[in-house]
Amino acid sequence: MEDFQLQELQYKYKVNKSIPELGRITCSADIARIVRRFYDDSIAYQESLKLVLLSRSNKIIGIKTVSVGGMTGTVADPKIIFGMALKGLACSVLIVHNHPSGNVKPSQADIALTKKVKEGGQLLELPLLDHVILSGTDHTKYFSFADEGIL
């Protein structure tokens, strides 16, 4: 009988202390204002999804790009989202993505992703606090699933 050998996985956790403190999230307006700074000019023509990692007191401990797509969509894998959140030692998470068209109404795909991440977060005791959609054309416009009571 052959010996079965498992691959050894190694994870390293390194805190980048040169990153400025991003603050604490108290409402959806904070999310929109802070995370918008992590988008460049592509916010107007290319959809991407970012993950915000939070401490127990809702202090931002990291912001990571999960996926980058095209003009009309991006695909985000919940396994990637939770892998990043667990490795980052997050206590809760937010997801944020943009709609280059400027229309912040959630699509069926946005609603389905939110549901999957919410359910996965409940199992892992890593709650999804909000999913925010930023307008790619109007810097003051956004949609919050939590504010609308659909999270």
C-alpha atoms as a PDB file:
ATOM      1  CA  MET A   1       0.000   0.000   0.000  1.00  0.00           C
ATOM      2  CA  GLU A   2       1.314   3.443  -0.941  1.00  0.00           C
ATOM      3  CA  ASP A   3       2.010   6.014   1.713  1.00  0.00           C
ATOM      4  CA  PHE A   4      -0.360   8.926   1.539  1.00  0.00           C
ATOM      5  CA  GLN A   5       1.362  12.260   2.077  1.00  0.00           C
ATOM      6  CA  LEU A   6      -0.440  15.496   2.701  1.00  0.00           C
ATOM      7  CA  GLN A   7       0.769  18.773   1.327  1.00  0.00           C
ATOM      8  CA  GLU A   8       1.827  21.121   4.084  1.00  0.00           C
ATOM      9  CA  LEU A   9       0.324  24.574   3.867  1.00  0.00           C
ATOM     10  CA  GLN A  10       1.994  27.541   5.476  1.00  0.00           C
ATOM     11  CA  TYR A  11       0.368  30.879   6.105  1.00  0.00           C
ATOM     12  CA  LYS A  12       2.229  33.928   7.253  1.00  0.00           C
ATOM     13  CA  TYR A  13       0.489  36.809   8.927  1.00  0.00           C
ATOM     14  CA  LYS A  14       2.284  40.110   8.616  1.00  0.00           C
ATOM     15  CA  VAL A  15       0.903  43.449   9.719  1.00  0.00           C
ATOM     16  CA  ASN A  16       1.924  46.345   7.509  1.00  0.00           C
ATOM     17  CA  LYS A  17       2.431  49.122  10.042  1.00  0.00           C
ATOM     18  CA  SER A  18       3.173  51.714   7.367  1.00  0.00           C
ATOM     19  CA  ILE A  19      -0.500  51.847   6.324  1.00  0.00           C
ATOM     20  CA  PRO A  20      -2.271  54.879   7.793  1.00  0.00           C
ATOM     21  CA  GLU A  21      -5.205  54.238  10.095  1.00  0.00           C
ATOM     22  CA  LEU A  22      -8.416  54.311   8.073  1.00  0.00           C
ATOM     23  CA  GLY A  23     -10.843  54.875  10.891  1.00  0.00           C
ATOM     24  CA  ARG A  24     -13.931  53.277  12.301  1.00  0.00           C
ATOM     25  CA  ILE A  25     -17.137  52.506  10.430  1.00  0.00           C
ATOM     26  CA  THR A  26     -20.277  53.930  12.030  1.00  0.00           C
ATOM     27  CA  CYS A  27     -22.630  54.139   9.034  1.00  0.00           C
ATOM     28  CA  SER A  28     -22.913  53.437   5.302  1.00  0.00           C
ATOM     29  CA  ALA A  29     -21.754  56.978   4.465  1.00  0.00           C
ATOM     30  CA  ASP A  30     -18.432  56.167   6.190  1.00  0.00           C
ATOM     31  CA  ILE A  31     -18.084  53.048   4.054  1.00  0.00           C
ATOM     32  CA  ALA A  32     -18.769  54.911   0.808  1.00  0.00           C
ATOM     33  CA  ARG A  33     -16.436  57.800   1.688  1.00  0.00           C
ATOM     34  CA  ILE A  34     -13.510  55.686   2.861  1.00  0.00           C
ATOM     35  CA  VAL A  35     -13.619  52.860   0.307  1.00  0.00           C
ATOM     36  CA  ARG A  36     -14.122  55.239  -2.653  1.00  0.00           C
ATOM     37  CA  ARG A  37     -10.540  56.432  -1.999  1.00  0.00           C
ATOM     38  CA  PHE A  38      -9.346  52.917  -2.930  1.00  0.00           C
ATOM     39  CA  TYR A  39     -10.782  53.163  -6.434  1.00  0.00           C
ATOM     40  CA  ASP A  40      -8.965  54.932  -9.233  1.00  0.00           C
ATOM     41  CA  ASP A  41     -10.386  56.364 -12.461  1.00  0.00           C
ATOM     42  CA  SER A  42     -11.470  52.853 -13.466  1.00  0.00           C
ATOM     43  CA  ILE A  43     -14.487  53.258 -11.147  1.00  0.00           C
ATOM     44  CA  ALA A  44     -16.222  54.863 -14.159  1.00  0.00           C
ATOM     45  CA  TYR A  45     -15.583  52.017 -16.608  1.00  0.00           C
ATOM     46  CA  GLN A  46     -14.622  48.784 -14.838  1.00  0.00           C
ATOM     47  CA  GLU A  47     -16.494  46.957 -12.093  1.00  0.00           C
ATOM     48  CA  SER A  48     -14.543  45.629  -9.118  1.00  0.00           C
ATOM     49  CA  LEU A  49     -15.362  44.307  -5.664  1.00  0.00           C
ATOM     50  CA  LYS A  50     -13.459  45.138  -2.493  1.00  0.00           C
ATOM     51  CA  LEU A  51     -13.541  43.487   0.912  1.00  0.00           C
ATOM     52  CA  VAL A  52     -13.306  45.584   4.071  1.00  0.00           C
ATOM     53  CA  LEU A  53     -12.025  43.747   7.140  1.00  0.00           C
ATOM     54  CA  LEU A  54     -13.170  45.062  10.507  1.00  0.00           C
ATOM     55  CA  SER A  55     -12.103  44.629  14.111  1.00  0.00           C
ATOM     56  CA  ARG A  56     -14.553  43.954  16.944  1.00  0.00           C
ATOM     57  CA  SER A  57     -15.032  47.753  17.320  1.00  0.00           C
ATOM     58  CA  ASN A  58     -15.622  48.220  13.544  1.00  0.00           C
ATOM     59  CA  LYS A  59     -12.179  49.713  13.017  1.00  0.00           C
ATOM     60  CA  ILE A  60     -10.885  49.040   9.513  1.00  0.00           C
ATOM     61  CA  ILE A  61      -7.992  46.597   9.634  1.00  0.00           C
ATOM     62  CA  GLY A  62      -7.714  46.102   5.879  1.00  0.00           C
ATOM     63  CA  ILE A  63      -9.205  46.684   2.447  1.00  0.00           C
ATOM     64  CA  LYS A  64      -8.526  44.140  -0.281  1.00  0.00           C
ATOM     65  CA  THR A  65      -9.597  43.876  -3.919  1.00  0.00           C
ATOM     66  CA  VAL A  66     -11.412  40.562  -4.367  1.00  0.00           C
ATOM     67  CA  SER A  67     -12.241  40.721  -8.063  1.00  0.00           C
ATOM     68  CA  VAL A  68     -11.977  42.952 -11.112  1.00  0.00           C
ATOM     69  CA  GLY A  69     -14.295  42.482 -14.045  1.00  0.00           C
ATOM     70  CA  GLY A  70     -15.504  44.338 -17.084  1.00  0.00           C
ATOM     71  CA  MET A  71     -17.863  47.190 -17.748  1.00  0.00           C
ATOM     72  CA  THR A  72     -20.987  45.359 -16.654  1.00  0.00           C
ATOM     73  CA  GLY A  73     -19.943  42.896 -13.989  1.00  0.00           C
ATOM     74  CA  THR A  74     -17.385  41.093 -11.895  1.00  0.00           C
ATOM     75  CA  VAL A  75     -17.426  37.626 -10.381  1.00  0.00           C
ATOM     76  CA  ALA A  76     -16.663  37.319  -6.678  1.00  0.00           C
ATOM     77  CA  ASP A  77     -16.142  33.917  -5.103  1.00  0.00           C
ATOM     78  CA  PRO A  78     -17.332  33.684  -1.473  1.00  0.00           C
ATOM     79  CA  LYS A  79     -14.498  31.210  -0.755  1.00  0.00           C
ATOM     80  CA  ILE A  80     -11.968  33.904  -1.678  1.00  0.00           C
ATOM     81  CA  ILE A  81     -13.826  36.480   0.419  1.00  0.00           C
ATOM     82  CA  PHE A  82     -13.827  34.276   3.511  1.00  0.00           C
ATOM     83  CA  GLY A  83     -10.253  33.106   2.944  1.00  0.00           C
ATOM     84  CA  MET A  84      -9.104  36.726   2.983  1.00  0.00           C
ATOM     85  CA  ALA A  85     -11.252  37.552   6.012  1.00  0.00           C
ATOM     86  CA  LEU A  86     -10.009  34.586   8.026  1.00  0.00           C
ATOM     87  CA  LYS A  87      -6.354  35.187   7.161  1.00  0.00           C
ATOM     88  CA  GLY A  88      -6.815  38.859   8.058  1.00  0.00           C
ATOM     89  CA  LEU A  89      -8.273  37.941  11.467  1.00  0.00           C
ATOM     90  CA  ALA A  90     -11.403  39.995  10.805  1.00  0.00           C
ATOM     91  CA  CYS A  91     -14.290  40.020  13.272  1.00  0.00           C
ATOM     92  CA  SER A  92     -16.761  41.201  10.627  1.00  0.00           C
ATOM     93  CA  VAL A  93     -16.704  42.225   6.970  1.00  0.00           C
ATOM     94  CA  LEU A  94     -18.189  44.620   4.441  1.00  0.00           C
ATOM     95  CA  ILE A  95     -18.264  44.162   0.692  1.00  0.00           C
ATOM     96  CA  VAL A  96     -18.203  47.119  -1.661  1.00  0.00           C
ATOM     97  CA  HIS A  97     -18.368  47.235  -5.423  1.00  0.00           C
ATOM     98  CA  ASN A  98     -19.005  49.827  -8.084  1.00  0.00           C
ATOM     99  CA  HIS A  99     -21.447  50.172 -10.945  1.00  0.00           C
ATOM    100  CA  PRO A 100     -19.685  52.112 -13.728  1.00  0.00           C
ATOM    101  CA  SER A 101     -23.073  53.031 -15.246  1.00  0.00           C
ATOM    102  CA  GLY A 102     -23.896  55.138 -12.212  1.00  0.00           C
ATOM    103  CA  ASN A 103     -27.087  53.158 -11.500  1.00  0.00           C
ATOM    104  CA  VAL A 104     -26.665  51.861  -7.954  1.00  0.00           C
ATOM    105  CA  LYS A 105     -29.713  49.578  -7.978  1.00  0.00           C
ATOM    106  CA  PRO A 106     -28.534  46.034  -7.093  1.00  0.00           C
ATOM    107  CA  SER A 107     -28.712  43.371  -9.791  1.00  0.00           C
ATOM    108  CA  GLN A 108     -29.947  39.832  -9.131  1.00  0.00           C
ATOM    109  CA  ALA A 109     -26.282  38.745  -9.070  1.00  0.00           C
ATOM    110  CA  ASP A 110     -25.555  41.394  -6.397  1.00  0.00           C
ATOM    111  CA  ILE A 111     -28.469  40.154  -4.303  1.00  0.00           C
ATOM    112  CA  ALA A 112     -27.404  36.503  -4.693  1.00  0.00           C
ATOM    113  CA  LEU A 113     -23.793  37.264  -3.693  1.00  0.00           C
ATOM    114  CA  THR A 114     -24.968  39.220  -0.653  1.00  0.00           C
ATOM    115  CA  LYS A 115     -27.141  36.301   0.438  1.00  0.00           C
ATOM    116  CA  LYS A 116     -24.281  33.788   0.036  1.00  0.00           C
ATOM    117  CA  VAL A 117     -21.793  35.940   1.959  1.00  0.00           C
ATOM    118  CA  LYS A 118     -24.328  36.670   4.702  1.00  0.00           C
ATOM    119  CA  GLU A 119     -25.133  32.960   5.135  1.00  0.00           C
ATOM    120  CA  GLY A 120     -21.468  31.930   5.059  1.00  0.00           C
ATOM    121  CA  GLY A 121     -20.616  34.626   7.573  1.00  0.00           C
ATOM    122  CA  GLN A 122     -23.276  33.353   9.948  1.00  0.00           C
ATOM    123  CA  LEU A 123     -21.755  29.865   9.866  1.00  0.00           C
ATOM    124  CA  LEU A 124     -18.250  31.206  10.477  1.00  0.00           C
ATOM    125  CA  GLU A 125     -19.332  33.765  13.094  1.00  0.00           C
ATOM    126  CA  LEU A 126     -17.924  36.394  10.741  1.00  0.00           C
ATOM    127  CA  PRO A 127     -20.903  38.634  10.007  1.00  0.00           C
ATOM    128  CA  LEU A 128     -21.432  40.612   6.823  1.00  0.00           C
ATOM    129  CA  LEU A 129     -22.431  44.046   8.114  1.00  0.00           C
ATOM    130  CA  ASP A 130     -23.223  45.648   4.755  1.00  0.00           C
ATOM    131  CA  HIS A 131     -22.845  45.462   0.996  1.00  0.00           C
ATOM    132  CA  VAL A 132     -22.445  48.895  -0.570  1.00  0.00           C
ATOM    133  CA  ILE A 133     -22.675  49.710  -4.276  1.00  0.00           C
ATOM    134  CA  LEU A 134     -20.867  52.879  -5.370  1.00  0.00           C
ATOM    135  CA  SER A 135     -21.856  54.918  -8.415  1.00  0.00           C
ATOM    136  CA  GLY A 136     -19.131  55.138 -11.038  1.00  0.00           C
ATOM    137  CA  THR A 137     -20.359  58.540 -12.218  1.00  0.00           C
ATOM    138  CA  ASP A 138     -21.675  60.381  -9.147  1.00  0.00           C
ATOM    139  CA  HIS A 139     -19.274  60.436  -6.184  1.00  0.00           C
ATOM    140  CA  THR A 140     -22.096  61.126  -3.728  1.00  0.00           C
ATOM    141  CA  LYS A 141     -24.385  58.289  -4.799  1.00  0.00           C
ATOM    142  CA  TYR A 142     -24.352  54.796  -3.269  1.00  0.00           C
ATOM    143  CA  PHE A 143     -26.683  51.973  -2.258  1.00  0.00           C
ATOM    144  CA  SER A 144     -26.489  50.206   1.102  1.00  0.00           C
ATOM    145  CA  PHE A 145     -28.152  46.818   1.583  1.00  0.00           C
ATOM    146  CA  ALA A 146     -28.204  47.415   5.351  1.00  0.00           C
ATOM    147  CA  ASP A 147     -29.810  50.866   5.041  1.00  0.00           C
ATOM    148  CA  GLU A 148     -32.494  49.429   2.768  1.00  0.00           C
ATOM    149  CA  GLY A 149     -33.241  46.596   5.210  1.00  0.00           C
ATOM    150  CA  ILE A 150     -32.408  43.831   2.723  1.00  0.00           C
ATOM    151  CA  LEU A 151     -29.298  42.424   4.341  1.00  0.00           C
END
